[in-house]
Amino acid sequence: MLKKTIRRTAAVVVFCAALTLSRPSYAVNRDMVQLQTQVQQLIDALARLQQSNDQQMGVLKDLVQQDVDAVNKMSTTVSALQLKLQAQSDAQGQRNDQISGQVQALNDSLDELKARMQRMEKSLSDLQSQAQSTSALLGNLPGANGGGATAPPASVAPPAPSTPQGSGAAATDSGPARNDGLATQPAPIAAGGPSANDMYRAAYSDYMAGKYALAGSEFADLIKAHPDDNLAGNAFFYTGEIARRAEKPSVAIKDYDQVLERYPDNAKVPAAHLHKAEALVASKQTEAGIREYRALIQRFPNSPEAAQAHARLSALGVPTAARR
């Protein structure tokens, strides 16, 4: 725009000068010469202005280009930092998940070990009972107290054989005690369904094998058969896990609530808090999930699940504790 104005002004000045020079020489006077001088000065000023404007425009263009380059570099740096932070966050989440899985596996191993110890105690008790029964049977055998001694004369009444302590067998007045074993047989075990330990082992084995439908049915049978057993709390936890894998967070939340409300001393309570919070966030109940994370941190501050809750809250951009 400025160039066009300068060109037009220069054209007007040249035209005026041409008109002036075309007049007769007698018409030229001092004022005309002065006018020509001023026109020439104006042309020179316009030229200098054009040159200065071009220089300033070049400098301004360079500055703008430098700013654009700086912004592009900053944007690239920020993008790289975001990617790095995201990668670190993902890696930390994976580590936390691995730790949580290891803790759960450890808890399951402890449960399995407890179940084995109970079975060993029961087997040992059965062996002791059988040993006592065998000892009683051997004590009741004929000649057990006299070895190979000869029978007394017919005129002398044979003494009653002594009854071994704890055998439960009685001697008669006319001869040695009966050896039919009826009084020394162990009491039969009452008939019933499988134990909670056996049911839990079968269900957990199918769960680890990825047979979730079968494992869910077996865990449900365990809960129905032994609702007051602590392993029923484990069963509720794993039915919640199965529901969460099937993308049914509302069902999973109900199962986790069963663990938290009915089995407060169960080893799965911290994990139930954590996974309930994750299911709440997954079902768009973010505020409830945040409250659950905070409840976990408050109840079990030193647990691995609490560390994961801290990481989840940081990812959500909220503080660990509620503001007062």
Protein backbone atom coordinates (compact mmCIF):
# COMPACT_ATOMS: atom_id res chain seq x y z
CA MET A 1 0.00 0.00 0.00
CA LEU A 2 2.81 2.40 0.90
CA LYS A 3 4.62 1.58 -2.34
CA LYS A 4 1.54 2.43 -4.40
CA THR A 5 1.18 5.77 -2.56
CA ILE A 6 4.82 6.65 -3.18
CA ARG A 7 4.50 5.80 -6.85
CA ARG A 8 1.39 7.92 -7.23
CA THR A 9 3.01 10.88 -5.44
CA ALA A 10 6.11 10.59 -7.55
CA ALA A 11 4.00 10.51 -10.70
CA VAL A 12 2.11 13.65 -9.65
CA VAL A 13 5.36 15.45 -8.87
CA VAL A 14 6.88 14.49 -12.21
CA PHE A 15 3.74 15.61 -14.00
CA CYS A 16 3.81 18.99 -12.24
CA ALA A 17 7.48 19.41 -13.07
CA ALA A 18 6.80 18.59 -16.70
CA LEU A 19 4.07 21.22 -16.84
CA THR A 20 6.41 23.73 -15.30
CA LEU A 21 9.21 23.03 -17.71
CA SER A 22 6.84 23.19 -20.69
CA ARG A 23 6.04 26.86 -20.03
CA PRO A 24 8.11 29.63 -21.66
CA SER A 25 11.38 30.52 -20.08
CA TYR A 26 10.16 33.97 -19.20
CA ALA A 27 7.57 32.41 -16.86
CA VAL A 28 10.17 30.70 -14.76
CA ASN A 29 10.79 32.63 -11.60
CA ARG A 30 12.22 32.15 -8.19
CA ASP A 31 9.06 30.55 -6.74
CA MET A 32 9.00 27.90 -9.40
CA VAL A 33 12.60 26.97 -8.74
CA GLN A 34 11.83 26.76 -5.04
CA LEU A 35 8.82 24.55 -5.77
CA GLN A 36 10.94 22.25 -7.87
CA THR A 37 13.49 22.03 -5.10
CA GLN A 38 10.83 21.12 -2.56
CA VAL A 39 9.36 18.49 -4.89
CA GLN A 40 12.77 16.94 -5.31
CA GLN A 41 13.26 16.92 -1.54
CA LEU A 42 9.87 15.24 -1.15
CA ILE A 43 10.81 12.59 -3.66
CA ASP A 44 14.08 11.90 -1.82
CA ALA A 45 12.24 11.71 1.53
CA LEU A 46 9.76 9.27 0.08
CA ALA A 47 12.58 7.13 -1.25
CA ARG A 48 14.30 7.12 2.13
CA LEU A 49 11.00 6.27 3.80
CA GLN A 50 10.52 3.38 1.40
CA GLN A 51 14.03 2.11 2.12
CA SER A 52 13.53 2.41 5.88
CA ASN A 53 10.19 0.66 5.66
CA ASP A 54 11.73 -2.22 3.70
CA GLN A 55 14.48 -2.59 6.29
CA GLN A 56 12.04 -2.57 9.20
CA MET A 57 9.79 -5.07 7.46
CA GLY A 58 12.77 -7.37 6.95
CA VAL A 59 13.76 -7.14 10.62
CA LEU A 60 10.18 -7.73 11.72
CA LYS A 61 9.93 -10.74 9.43
CA ASP A 62 13.12 -12.19 10.92
CA LEU A 63 11.80 -11.68 14.47
CA VAL A 64 8.50 -13.34 13.62
CA GLN A 65 10.33 -16.28 12.06
CA GLN A 66 12.50 -16.64 15.17
CA ASP A 67 9.40 -16.61 17.39
CA VAL A 68 7.76 -19.25 15.22
CA ASP A 69 10.86 -21.44 15.43
CA ALA A 70 11.01 -21.02 19.22
CA VAL A 71 7.34 -21.94 19.58
CA ASN A 72 7.82 -25.01 17.39
CA LYS A 73 10.82 -26.13 19.46
CA MET A 74 8.89 -25.57 22.68
CA SER A 75 5.94 -27.53 21.33
CA THR A 76 8.23 -30.40 20.36
CA THR A 77 9.84 -30.38 23.81
CA VAL A 78 6.48 -30.33 25.58
CA SER A 79 5.23 -33.21 23.43
CA ALA A 80 8.34 -35.24 24.23
CA LEU A 81 7.90 -34.54 27.95
CA GLN A 82 4.25 -35.59 27.79
CA LEU A 83 5.17 -38.83 26.06
CA LYS A 84 7.89 -39.48 28.63
CA LEU A 85 5.55 -38.79 31.54
CA GLN A 86 2.87 -41.00 30.01
CA ALA A 87 5.36 -43.80 29.52
CA GLN A 88 6.55 -43.47 33.11
CA SER A 89 2.96 -43.45 34.35
CA ASP A 90 2.13 -46.56 32.32
CA ALA A 91 5.26 -48.32 33.57
CA GLN A 92 4.44 -47.40 37.16
CA GLY A 93 0.88 -48.65 36.70
CA GLN A 94 2.19 -51.93 35.31
CA ARG A 95 4.57 -52.28 38.26
CA ASN A 96 1.75 -51.59 40.69
CA ASP A 97 -0.45 -54.14 38.95
CA GLN A 98 2.36 -56.68 39.10
CA ILE A 99 2.86 -56.00 42.80
CA SER A 100 -0.86 -56.33 43.41
CA GLY A 101 -0.93 -59.62 41.52
CA GLN A 102 2.05 -60.90 43.47
CA VAL A 103 0.43 -59.93 46.77
CA GLN A 104 -2.77 -61.66 45.75
CA ALA A 105 -0.84 -64.75 44.72
CA LEU A 106 0.95 -64.68 48.07
CA ASN A 107 -2.36 -64.43 49.92
CA ASP A 108 -3.72 -67.32 47.89
CA SER A 109 -0.61 -69.35 48.66
CA LEU A 110 -1.06 -68.62 52.37
CA ASP A 111 -4.69 -69.71 52.16
CA GLU A 112 -3.63 -72.88 50.38
CA LEU A 113 -0.95 -73.51 53.01
CA LYS A 114 -3.46 -73.05 55.81
CA ALA A 115 -5.81 -75.49 54.12
CA ARG A 116 -3.01 -78.04 53.78
CA MET A 117 -2.06 -77.64 57.43
CA GLN A 118 -5.67 -78.21 58.45
CA ARG A 119 -5.80 -81.35 56.32
CA MET A 120 -2.52 -82.55 57.83
CA GLU A 121 -3.84 -81.95 61.35
CA LYS A 122 -6.98 -83.91 60.50
CA SER A 123 -4.93 -86.77 59.02
CA LEU A 124 -2.71 -86.80 62.09
CA SER A 125 -5.73 -86.93 64.36
CA ASP A 126 -7.15 -89.83 62.33
CA LEU A 127 -3.83 -91.66 62.58
CA GLN A 128 -3.77 -91.17 66.34
CA SER A 129 -7.30 -92.54 66.62
CA GLN A 130 -6.39 -95.54 64.51
CA ALA A 131 -3.27 -96.15 66.62
CA GLN A 132 -5.35 -96.07 69.79
CA SER A 133 -7.88 -98.44 68.26
CA THR A 134 -5.12 -100.82 67.15
CA SER A 135 -3.56 -100.72 70.60
CA ALA A 136 -6.92 -101.52 72.17
CA LEU A 137 -7.48 -104.44 69.79
CA LEU A 138 -4.05 -105.86 70.57
CA GLY A 139 -4.72 -105.56 74.29
CA ASN A 140 -7.95 -107.53 73.95
CA LEU A 141 -6.40 -110.49 72.15
CA PRO A 142 -6.45 -113.83 74.11
CA GLY A 143 -3.20 -114.42 76.04
CA ALA A 144 -2.20 -110.80 75.61
CA ASN A 145 -1.58 -110.48 79.35
CA GLY A 146 -0.16 -114.00 80.03
CA GLY A 147 1.77 -114.73 76.91
CA GLY A 148 2.03 -118.58 76.65
CA ALA A 149 1.03 -119.31 80.30
CA THR A 150 -0.88 -122.56 80.96
CA ALA A 151 -4.52 -122.57 82.01
CA PRO A 152 -5.20 -122.84 85.79
CA PRO A 153 -6.78 -125.93 87.34
CA ALA A 154 -10.52 -126.37 86.89
CA SER A 155 -11.15 -125.99 90.66
CA VAL A 156 -9.65 -122.52 90.63
CA ALA A 157 -11.64 -119.82 88.95
CA PRO A 158 -9.55 -117.98 86.39
CA PRO A 159 -8.97 -114.36 87.25
CA ALA A 160 -10.67 -111.79 85.13
CA PRO A 161 -8.28 -110.32 82.61
CA SER A 162 -7.45 -106.68 83.15
CA THR A 163 -9.01 -104.20 80.79
CA PRO A 164 -6.53 -101.97 79.03
CA GLN A 165 -7.07 -98.28 79.88
CA GLY A 166 -8.97 -96.46 77.21
CA SER A 167 -9.89 -99.62 75.25
CA GLY A 168 -13.59 -99.52 76.08
CA ALA A 169 -13.80 -103.36 76.25
CA ALA A 170 -15.19 -105.15 79.38
CA ALA A 171 -14.19 -108.65 80.64
CA THR A 172 -16.84 -111.22 81.61
CA ASP A 173 -16.85 -113.40 84.73
CA SER A 174 -16.49 -116.65 82.81
CA GLY A 175 -13.64 -115.97 80.41
CA PRO A 176 -11.59 -113.45 78.50
CA ALA A 177 -13.06 -110.35 76.83
CA ARG A 178 -14.74 -110.54 73.41
CA ASN A 179 -12.55 -110.07 70.43
CA ASP A 180 -15.20 -109.03 67.86
CA GLY A 181 -13.87 -105.44 67.72
CA LEU A 182 -17.31 -103.85 67.80
CA ALA A 183 -16.56 -101.78 70.87
CA THR A 184 -13.21 -100.57 69.55
CA GLN A 185 -14.10 -99.45 66.02
CA PRO A 186 -13.69 -95.65 65.48
CA ALA A 187 -16.87 -93.65 65.10
CA PRO A 188 -17.82 -93.16 61.47
CA ILE A 189 -17.44 -89.65 60.06
CA ALA A 190 -20.76 -87.97 59.39
CA ALA A 191 -21.64 -87.97 55.72
CA GLY A 192 -21.74 -84.56 54.01
CA GLY A 193 -20.55 -82.47 51.09
CA PRO A 194 -16.97 -81.46 50.32
CA SER A 195 -15.17 -79.14 52.69
CA ALA A 196 -14.72 -75.43 52.05
CA ASN A 197 -11.00 -75.99 51.47
CA ASP A 198 -11.58 -78.61 48.79
CA MET A 199 -14.21 -76.51 47.05
CA TYR A 200 -11.99 -73.44 47.14
CA ARG A 201 -9.01 -75.33 45.74
CA ALA A 202 -11.03 -76.62 42.80
CA ALA A 203 -12.58 -73.23 42.05
CA TYR A 204 -9.29 -71.36 42.33
CA SER A 205 -7.53 -73.88 40.10
CA ASP A 206 -10.15 -73.35 37.38
CA TYR A 207 -9.89 -69.57 37.83
CA MET A 208 -6.12 -69.63 37.33
CA ALA A 209 -6.63 -71.84 34.26
CA GLY A 210 -8.88 -69.18 32.72
CA LYS A 211 -12.08 -71.22 33.06
CA TYR A 212 -13.98 -68.24 34.42
CA ALA A 213 -17.52 -69.52 33.86
CA LEU A 214 -16.78 -72.80 35.64
CA ALA A 215 -14.81 -71.07 38.40
CA GLY A 216 -17.62 -68.58 38.98
CA SER A 217 -20.12 -71.42 39.39
CA GLU A 218 -17.78 -73.24 41.78
CA PHE A 219 -17.17 -70.11 43.86
CA ALA A 220 -20.94 -69.59 44.05
CA ASP A 221 -21.40 -73.18 45.27
CA LEU A 222 -18.76 -72.58 47.95
CA ILE A 223 -20.56 -69.43 49.14
CA LYS A 224 -23.85 -71.30 49.27
CA ALA A 225 -22.45 -74.34 51.09
CA HIS A 226 -20.18 -72.49 53.55
CA PRO A 227 -21.40 -68.87 53.82
CA ASP A 228 -19.72 -68.28 57.20
CA ASP A 229 -16.31 -69.66 56.24
CA ASN A 230 -13.58 -67.08 55.64
CA LEU A 231 -12.89 -68.68 52.25
CA ALA A 232 -16.36 -67.55 51.20
CA GLY A 233 -14.95 -64.02 51.35
CA ASN A 234 -12.22 -65.09 48.91
CA ALA A 235 -14.92 -66.59 46.71
CA PHE A 236 -16.84 -63.29 46.63
CA PHE A 237 -13.62 -61.47 45.70
CA TYR A 238 -12.93 -63.76 42.75
CA THR A 239 -16.51 -63.63 41.49
CA GLY A 240 -16.02 -59.86 41.48
CA GLU A 241 -12.81 -60.32 39.51
CA ILE A 242 -14.61 -62.51 36.99
CA ALA A 243 -17.38 -59.92 36.62
CA ARG A 244 -14.81 -57.15 36.12
CA ARG A 245 -13.07 -59.16 33.41
CA ALA A 246 -16.45 -59.58 31.73
CA GLU A 247 -16.86 -55.76 31.81
CA LYS A 248 -19.70 -55.89 34.33
CA PRO A 249 -18.50 -53.32 36.88
CA SER A 250 -21.85 -53.00 38.68
CA VAL A 251 -21.90 -56.76 39.41
CA ALA A 252 -18.25 -56.66 40.50
CA ILE A 253 -18.96 -53.77 42.89
CA LYS A 254 -21.66 -55.80 44.64
CA ASP A 255 -19.30 -58.77 45.10
CA TYR A 256 -16.54 -56.53 46.48
CA ASP A 257 -19.08 -55.03 48.90
CA GLN A 258 -19.82 -58.53 50.18
CA VAL A 259 -16.14 -58.98 51.03
CA LEU A 260 -15.93 -55.59 52.75
CA GLU A 261 -19.15 -55.90 54.73
CA ARG A 262 -19.35 -59.60 55.66
CA TYR A 263 -15.68 -60.57 55.99
CA PRO A 264 -13.84 -57.54 57.49
CA ASP A 265 -10.89 -59.69 58.63
CA ASN A 266 -10.35 -61.34 55.25
CA ALA A 267 -6.96 -60.88 53.60
CA LYS A 268 -8.68 -59.75 50.39
CA VAL A 269 -10.19 -56.60 51.96
CA PRO A 270 -7.45 -54.17 50.73
CA ALA A 271 -7.62 -55.59 47.20
CA ALA A 272 -11.43 -55.45 47.34
CA HIS A 273 -11.22 -51.72 48.22
CA LEU A 274 -8.83 -51.07 45.33
CA HIS A 275 -10.72 -53.03 42.69
CA LYS A 276 -14.06 -51.63 43.82
CA ALA A 277 -12.68 -48.12 43.33
CA GLU A 278 -11.41 -49.04 39.86
CA ALA A 279 -14.80 -50.51 38.96
CA LEU A 280 -16.53 -47.33 40.17
CA VAL A 281 -14.26 -45.14 38.03
CA ALA A 282 -14.80 -47.47 35.05
CA SER A 283 -18.58 -47.10 35.45
CA LYS A 284 -18.29 -43.26 35.42
CA GLN A 285 -18.79 -42.96 39.20
CA THR A 286 -15.55 -41.06 39.64
CA GLU A 287 -16.42 -39.30 42.90
CA ALA A 288 -17.41 -42.59 44.56
CA GLY A 289 -14.23 -44.18 43.25
CA ILE A 290 -12.12 -41.36 44.75
CA ARG A 291 -13.81 -41.87 48.12
CA GLU A 292 -13.06 -45.61 47.93
CA TYR A 293 -9.38 -44.94 47.12
CA ARG A 294 -9.15 -42.62 50.13
CA ALA A 295 -10.87 -45.16 52.38
CA LEU A 296 -8.28 -47.77 51.34
CA ILE A 297 -5.39 -45.39 52.09
CA GLN A 298 -6.87 -44.52 55.47
CA ARG A 299 -7.51 -48.14 56.52
CA PHE A 300 -4.36 -49.76 55.11
CA PRO A 301 -1.79 -46.95 54.63
CA ASN A 302 1.22 -49.28 54.37
CA SER A 303 -0.26 -51.85 52.02
CA PRO A 304 0.78 -52.24 48.35
CA GLU A 305 -2.84 -51.51 47.41
CA ALA A 306 -2.58 -48.13 49.16
CA ALA A 307 0.46 -47.28 47.00
CA GLN A 308 -1.59 -48.09 43.91
CA ALA A 309 -4.44 -45.94 45.23
CA HIS A 310 -2.01 -43.01 45.56
CA ALA A 311 -0.94 -43.51 41.93
CA ARG A 312 -4.55 -43.71 40.71
CA LEU A 313 -5.50 -40.50 42.54
CA SER A 314 -2.46 -38.72 41.10
CA ALA A 315 -3.48 -39.83 37.62
CA LEU A 316 -6.95 -38.40 38.25
CA GLY A 317 -5.40 -35.14 39.42
CA VAL A 318 -6.94 -35.15 42.89
CA PRO A 319 -5.28 -35.04 46.33
CA THR A 320 -5.01 -38.15 48.48
CA ALA A 321 -6.97 -36.69 51.39
CA ALA A 322 -10.22 -34.76 51.14
CA ARG A 323 -9.92 -31.03 51.71
CA ARG A 324 -11.58 -29.68 54.83
